[in-house]
Structure formats: C-alpha cells, structure tokens
Amino acid sequence: MLCLKPCRKGQTRSRRTESGGWVVQLTDAPLDLDNPVHLDALLRAYERFPAIGGRSAP
C-alpha cells in the first residue's frame, strides 16, 4: 500500500480499479491545487513514482 502520509495499521488510502490501475488518496481533504500542502503531496507522488500517468521514459 502506498501512503505518502503516515498511515495507521489497517487504514486504507488506496484501491485497485477494475482496469488494474490504482486510486491513491494523497490528502485527507479533496485535492485542492490552490492549497500548497496538497500541491506538495501531488508533486512528491510524481517524483517518487515517475510512471504515474504514463510519465516514465521508455
């Protein structure tokens, strides 16, 4: 399980989609790109996992 914020044991912040992808909750509140904390969480996810959204080099 991917957690960019500390997770308590048994706490789920991700789920698998029917097509085999993953939906990962990065913040407690809905994502707000005007919120610097939310933007930082999104940028850290892209840095840590460059293949997100097909961004990895072949």
PDB file of N, CA and C in Angstrom:
ATOM      1  N   MET A   1       0.842  -1.175   0.000  1.00  0.00           N
ATOM      2  CA  MET A   1       0.000   0.000   0.000  1.00  0.00           C
ATOM      3  C   MET A   1       0.890   1.241   0.000  1.00  0.00           C
ATOM      4  N   LEU A   2       0.542   2.183  -0.813  1.00  0.00           N
ATOM      5  CA  LEU A   2       1.260   3.442  -0.910  1.00  0.00           C
ATOM      6  C   LEU A   2       0.642   4.455   0.028  1.00  0.00           C
ATOM      7  N   CYS A   3       1.433   5.004   0.908  1.00  0.00           N
ATOM      8  CA  CYS A   3       0.969   6.085   1.773  1.00  0.00           C
ATOM      9  C   CYS A   3       2.033   7.163   1.760  1.00  0.00           C
ATOM     10  N   LEU A   4       1.685   8.323   1.275  1.00  0.00           N
ATOM     11  CA  LEU A   4       2.622   9.427   1.299  1.00  0.00           C
ATOM     12  C   LEU A   4       2.548  10.174   2.613  1.00  0.00           C
ATOM     13  N   LYS A   5       1.485   9.947   3.351  1.00  0.00           N
ATOM     14  CA  LYS A   5       1.353  10.457   4.710  1.00  0.00           C
ATOM     15  C   LYS A   5       1.395   9.238   5.618  1.00  0.00           C
ATOM     16  N   PRO A   6       1.784   9.382   6.873  1.00  0.00           N
ATOM     17  CA  PRO A   6       1.764   8.225   7.772  1.00  0.00           C
ATOM     18  C   PRO A   6       0.359   7.626   7.869  1.00  0.00           C
ATOM     19  N   CYS A   7       0.286   6.304   7.787  1.00  0.00           N
ATOM     20  CA  CYS A   7      -0.991   5.600   7.889  1.00  0.00           C
ATOM     21  C   CYS A   7      -0.993   4.738   9.142  1.00  0.00           C
ATOM     22  N   ARG A   8      -2.138   4.673   9.772  1.00  0.00           N
ATOM     23  CA  ARG A   8      -2.283   3.751  10.897  1.00  0.00           C
ATOM     24  C   ARG A   8      -2.545   2.367  10.352  1.00  0.00           C
ATOM     25  N   LYS A   9      -2.135   1.364  11.083  1.00  0.00           N
ATOM     26  CA  LYS A   9      -2.336  -0.015  10.657  1.00  0.00           C
ATOM     27  C   LYS A   9      -3.820  -0.254  10.358  1.00  0.00           C
ATOM     28  N   GLY A  10      -4.091  -0.835   9.202  1.00  0.00           N
ATOM     29  CA  GLY A  10      -5.459  -1.122   8.815  1.00  0.00           C
ATOM     30  C   GLY A  10      -6.147   0.021   8.087  1.00  0.00           C
ATOM     31  N   GLN A  11      -5.507   1.167   8.021  1.00  0.00           N
ATOM     32  CA  GLN A  11      -6.101   2.313   7.344  1.00  0.00           C
ATOM     33  C   GLN A  11      -5.796   2.212   5.849  1.00  0.00           C
ATOM     34  N   THR A  12      -6.822   2.312   5.017  1.00  0.00           N
ATOM     35  CA  THR A  12      -6.644   2.176   3.581  1.00  0.00           C
ATOM     36  C   THR A  12      -6.697   3.540   2.914  1.00  0.00           C
ATOM     37  N   ARG A  13      -5.683   3.840   2.134  1.00  0.00           N
ATOM     38  CA  ARG A  13      -5.637   5.087   1.370  1.00  0.00           C
ATOM     39  C   ARG A  13      -5.531   4.806  -0.115  1.00  0.00           C
ATOM     40  N   SER A  14      -5.720   3.564  -0.527  1.00  0.00           N
ATOM     41  CA  SER A  14      -5.652   3.223  -1.945  1.00  0.00           C
ATOM     42  C   SER A  14      -6.651   2.124  -2.260  1.00  0.00           C
ATOM     43  N   ARG A  15      -7.005   2.057  -3.549  1.00  0.00           N
ATOM     44  CA  ARG A  15      -7.874   0.970  -4.004  1.00  0.00           C
ATOM     45  C   ARG A  15      -7.539   0.645  -5.439  1.00  0.00           C
ATOM     46  N   ARG A  16      -7.745  -0.586  -5.810  1.00  0.00           N
ATOM     47  CA  ARG A  16      -7.483  -1.081  -7.159  1.00  0.00           C
ATOM     48  C   ARG A  16      -8.720  -0.850  -8.019  1.00  0.00           C
ATOM     49  N   THR A  17      -8.531  -0.411  -9.258  1.00  0.00           N
ATOM     50  CA  THR A  17      -9.655  -0.208 -10.168  1.00  0.00           C
ATOM     51  C   THR A  17      -9.915  -1.480 -10.961  1.00  0.00           C
ATOM     52  N   GLU A  18     -11.064  -1.553 -11.612  1.00  0.00           N
ATOM     53  CA  GLU A  18     -11.399  -2.726 -12.423  1.00  0.00           C
ATOM     54  C   GLU A  18     -10.405  -2.929 -13.563  1.00  0.00           C
ATOM     55  N   SER A  19      -9.833  -1.842 -14.075  1.00  0.00           N
ATOM     56  CA  SER A  19      -8.895  -1.939 -15.200  1.00  0.00           C
ATOM     57  C   SER A  19      -7.463  -2.239 -14.756  1.00  0.00           C
ATOM     58  N   GLY A  20      -7.241  -2.395 -13.439  1.00  0.00           N
ATOM     59  CA  GLY A  20      -5.915  -2.752 -12.938  1.00  0.00           C
ATOM     60  C   GLY A  20      -5.085  -1.573 -12.457  1.00  0.00           C
ATOM     61  N   GLY A  21      -5.638  -0.378 -12.514  1.00  0.00           N
ATOM     62  CA  GLY A  21      -4.932   0.801 -12.021  1.00  0.00           C
ATOM     63  C   GLY A  21      -5.141   0.973 -10.527  1.00  0.00           C
ATOM     64  N   TRP A  22      -4.595   2.038 -10.005  1.00  0.00           N
ATOM     65  CA  TRP A  22      -4.731   2.337  -8.581  1.00  0.00           C
ATOM     66  C   TRP A  22      -5.241   3.752  -8.387  1.00  0.00           C
ATOM     67  N   VAL A  23      -6.097   3.943  -7.402  1.00  0.00           N
ATOM     68  CA  VAL A  23      -6.534   5.255  -6.950  1.00  0.00           C
ATOM     69  C   VAL A  23      -5.952   5.411  -5.556  1.00  0.00           C
ATOM     70  N   VAL A  24      -5.169   6.466  -5.369  1.00  0.00           N
ATOM     71  CA  VAL A  24      -4.461   6.672  -4.105  1.00  0.00           C
ATOM     72  C   VAL A  24      -4.877   8.015  -3.508  1.00  0.00           C
ATOM     73  N   GLN A  25      -5.275   7.999  -2.268  1.00  0.00           N
ATOM     74  CA  GLN A  25      -5.636   9.222  -1.546  1.00  0.00           C
ATOM     75  C   GLN A  25      -4.359   9.858  -1.019  1.00  0.00           C
ATOM     76  N   LEU A  26      -4.073  11.071  -1.480  1.00  0.00           N
ATOM     77  CA  LEU A  26      -2.854  11.763  -1.069  1.00  0.00           C
ATOM     78  C   LEU A  26      -3.069  12.682   0.124  1.00  0.00           C
ATOM     79  N   THR A  27      -4.295  13.171   0.285  1.00  0.00           N
ATOM     80  CA  THR A  27      -4.591  14.128   1.357  1.00  0.00           C
ATOM     81  C   THR A  27      -5.895  13.729   2.041  1.00  0.00           C
ATOM     82  N   ASP A  28      -6.127  14.243   3.226  1.00  0.00           N
ATOM     83  CA  ASP A  28      -7.358  13.939   3.945  1.00  0.00           C
ATOM     84  C   ASP A  28      -8.570  14.605   3.300  1.00  0.00           C
ATOM     85  N   ALA A  29      -8.389  15.808   2.786  1.00  0.00           N
ATOM     86  CA  ALA A  29      -9.470  16.569   2.149  1.00  0.00           C
ATOM     87  C   ALA A  29      -9.386  16.367   0.629  1.00  0.00           C
ATOM     88  N   PRO A  30     -10.459  16.673  -0.098  1.00  0.00           N
ATOM     89  CA  PRO A  30     -10.390  16.606  -1.567  1.00  0.00           C
ATOM     90  C   PRO A  30      -9.233  17.461  -2.086  1.00  0.00           C
ATOM     91  N   LEU A  31      -8.595  16.972  -3.134  1.00  0.00           N
ATOM     92  CA  LEU A  31      -7.432  17.650  -3.688  1.00  0.00           C
ATOM     93  C   LEU A  31      -7.772  19.065  -4.129  1.00  0.00           C
ATOM     94  N   ASP A  32      -6.987  20.022  -3.661  1.00  0.00           N
ATOM     95  CA  ASP A  32      -7.163  21.436  -3.990  1.00  0.00           C
ATOM     96  C   ASP A  32      -5.803  21.960  -4.422  1.00  0.00           C
ATOM     97  N   LEU A  33      -5.634  22.176  -5.718  1.00  0.00           N
ATOM     98  CA  LEU A  33      -4.329  22.588  -6.229  1.00  0.00           C
ATOM     99  C   LEU A  33      -3.945  24.003  -5.818  1.00  0.00           C
ATOM    100  N   ASP A  34      -4.868  24.756  -5.246  1.00  0.00           N
ATOM    101  CA  ASP A  34      -4.533  26.076  -4.704  1.00  0.00           C
ATOM    102  C   ASP A  34      -3.992  25.977  -3.282  1.00  0.00           C
ATOM    103  N   ASN A  35      -4.067  24.795  -2.687  1.00  0.00           N
ATOM    104  CA  ASN A  35      -3.556  24.551  -1.339  1.00  0.00           C
ATOM    105  C   ASN A  35      -2.110  24.059  -1.469  1.00  0.00           C
ATOM    106  N   PRO A  36      -1.127  24.811  -0.964  1.00  0.00           N
ATOM    107  CA  PRO A  36       0.278  24.411  -1.110  1.00  0.00           C
ATOM    108  C   PRO A  36       0.590  23.031  -0.530  1.00  0.00           C
ATOM    109  N   VAL A  37      -0.088  22.633   0.523  1.00  0.00           N
ATOM    110  CA  VAL A  37       0.142  21.307   1.120  1.00  0.00           C
ATOM    111  C   VAL A  37      -0.312  20.213   0.149  1.00  0.00           C
ATOM    112  N   HIS A  38      -1.443  20.417  -0.498  1.00  0.00           N
ATOM    113  CA  HIS A  38      -1.957  19.438  -1.449  1.00  0.00           C
ATOM    114  C   HIS A  38      -1.069  19.383  -2.694  1.00  0.00           C
ATOM    115  N   LEU A  39      -0.649  20.533  -3.182  1.00  0.00           N
ATOM    116  CA  LEU A  39       0.223  20.570  -4.346  1.00  0.00           C
ATOM    117  C   LEU A  39       1.543  19.867  -4.048  1.00  0.00           C
ATOM    118  N   ASP A  40       2.083  20.064  -2.859  1.00  0.00           N
ATOM    119  CA  ASP A  40       3.320  19.395  -2.462  1.00  0.00           C
ATOM    120  C   ASP A  40       3.137  17.877  -2.423  1.00  0.00           C
ATOM    121  N   ALA A  41       2.006  17.400  -1.908  1.00  0.00           N
ATOM    122  CA  ALA A  41       1.746  15.955  -1.861  1.00  0.00           C
ATOM    123  C   ALA A  41       1.685  15.378  -3.273  1.00  0.00           C
ATOM    124  N   LEU A  42       1.051  16.097  -4.193  1.00  0.00           N
ATOM    125  CA  LEU A  42       0.956  15.640  -5.574  1.00  0.00           C
ATOM    126  C   LEU A  42       2.333  15.624  -6.234  1.00  0.00           C
ATOM    127  N   LEU A  43       3.110  16.663  -6.042  1.00  0.00           N
ATOM    128  CA  LEU A  43       4.447  16.711  -6.634  1.00  0.00           C
ATOM    129  C   LEU A  43       5.355  15.609  -6.081  1.00  0.00           C
ATOM    130  N   ARG A  44       5.251  15.322  -4.775  1.00  0.00           N
ATOM    131  CA  ARG A  44       6.045  14.234  -4.185  1.00  0.00           C
ATOM    132  C   ARG A  44       5.657  12.885  -4.785  1.00  0.00           C
ATOM    133  N   ALA A  45       4.367  12.693  -5.053  1.00  0.00           N
ATOM    134  CA  ALA A  45       3.913  11.435  -5.669  1.00  0.00           C
ATOM    135  C   ALA A  45       4.503  11.278  -7.063  1.00  0.00           C
ATOM    136  N   TYR A  46       4.478  12.353  -7.867  1.00  0.00           N
ATOM    137  CA  TYR A  46       5.058  12.301  -9.210  1.00  0.00           C
ATOM    138  C   TYR A  46       6.569  12.080  -9.164  1.00  0.00           C
ATOM    139  N   GLU A  47       7.265  12.665  -8.200  1.00  0.00           N
ATOM    140  CA  GLU A  47       8.713  12.451  -8.063  1.00  0.00           C
ATOM    141  C   GLU A  47       9.028  11.017  -7.681  1.00  0.00           C
ATOM    142  N   ARG A  48       8.272  10.477  -6.750  1.00  0.00           N
ATOM    143  CA  ARG A  48       8.546   9.128  -6.250  1.00  0.00           C
ATOM    144  C   ARG A  48       8.152   8.051  -7.236  1.00  0.00           C
ATOM    145  N   PHE A  49       7.098   8.297  -8.015  1.00  0.00           N
ATOM    146  CA  PHE A  49       6.586   7.308  -8.951  1.00  0.00           C
ATOM    147  C   PHE A  49       6.453   7.942 -10.331  1.00  0.00           C
ATOM    148  N   PRO A  50       7.549   8.051 -11.101  1.00  0.00           N
ATOM    149  CA  PRO A  50       7.511   8.755 -12.375  1.00  0.00           C
ATOM    150  C   PRO A  50       6.605   8.105 -13.421  1.00  0.00           C
ATOM    151  N   ALA A  51       6.217   6.860 -13.245  1.00  0.00           N
ATOM    152  CA  ALA A  51       5.355   6.201 -14.229  1.00  0.00           C
ATOM    153  C   ALA A  51       3.880   6.602 -14.081  1.00  0.00           C
ATOM    154  N   ILE A  52       3.541   7.401 -13.056  1.00  0.00           N
ATOM    155  CA  ILE A  52       2.165   7.829 -12.857  1.00  0.00           C
ATOM    156  C   ILE A  52       1.706   8.587 -14.095  1.00  0.00           C
ATOM    157  N   GLY A  53       0.581   8.193 -14.627  1.00  0.00           N
ATOM    158  CA  GLY A  53       0.023   8.900 -15.776  1.00  0.00           C
ATOM    159  C   GLY A  53       0.840   8.729 -17.046  1.00  0.00           C
ATOM    160  N   GLY A  54       1.641   7.682 -17.141  1.00  0.00           N
ATOM    161  CA  GLY A  54       2.438   7.429 -18.341  1.00  0.00           C
ATOM    162  C   GLY A  54       3.611   8.367 -18.502  1.00  0.00           C
ATOM    163  N   ARG A  55       4.152   8.871 -17.397  1.00  0.00           N
ATOM    164  CA  ARG A  55       5.236   9.857 -17.481  1.00  0.00           C
ATOM    165  C   ARG A  55       6.630   9.236 -17.493  1.00  0.00           C
ATOM    166  N   SER A  56       6.755   7.927 -17.454  1.00  0.00           N
ATOM    167  CA  SER A  56       8.087   7.328 -17.435  1.00  0.00           C
ATOM    168  C   SER A  56       8.662   7.276 -18.844  1.00  0.00           C
ATOM    169  N   ALA A  57       9.974   7.408 -18.939  1.00  0.00           N
ATOM    170  CA  ALA A  57      10.660   7.337 -20.235  1.00  0.00           C
ATOM    171  C   ALA A  57      10.753   5.879 -20.675  1.00  0.00           C
ATOM    172  N   PRO A  58      10.648   5.618 -21.972  1.00  0.00           N
ATOM    173  CA  PRO A  58      10.739   4.223 -22.464  1.00  0.00           C
ATOM    174  C   PRO A  58      12.123   3.634 -22.273  1.00  0.00           C
TER     175      PRO A  58
END
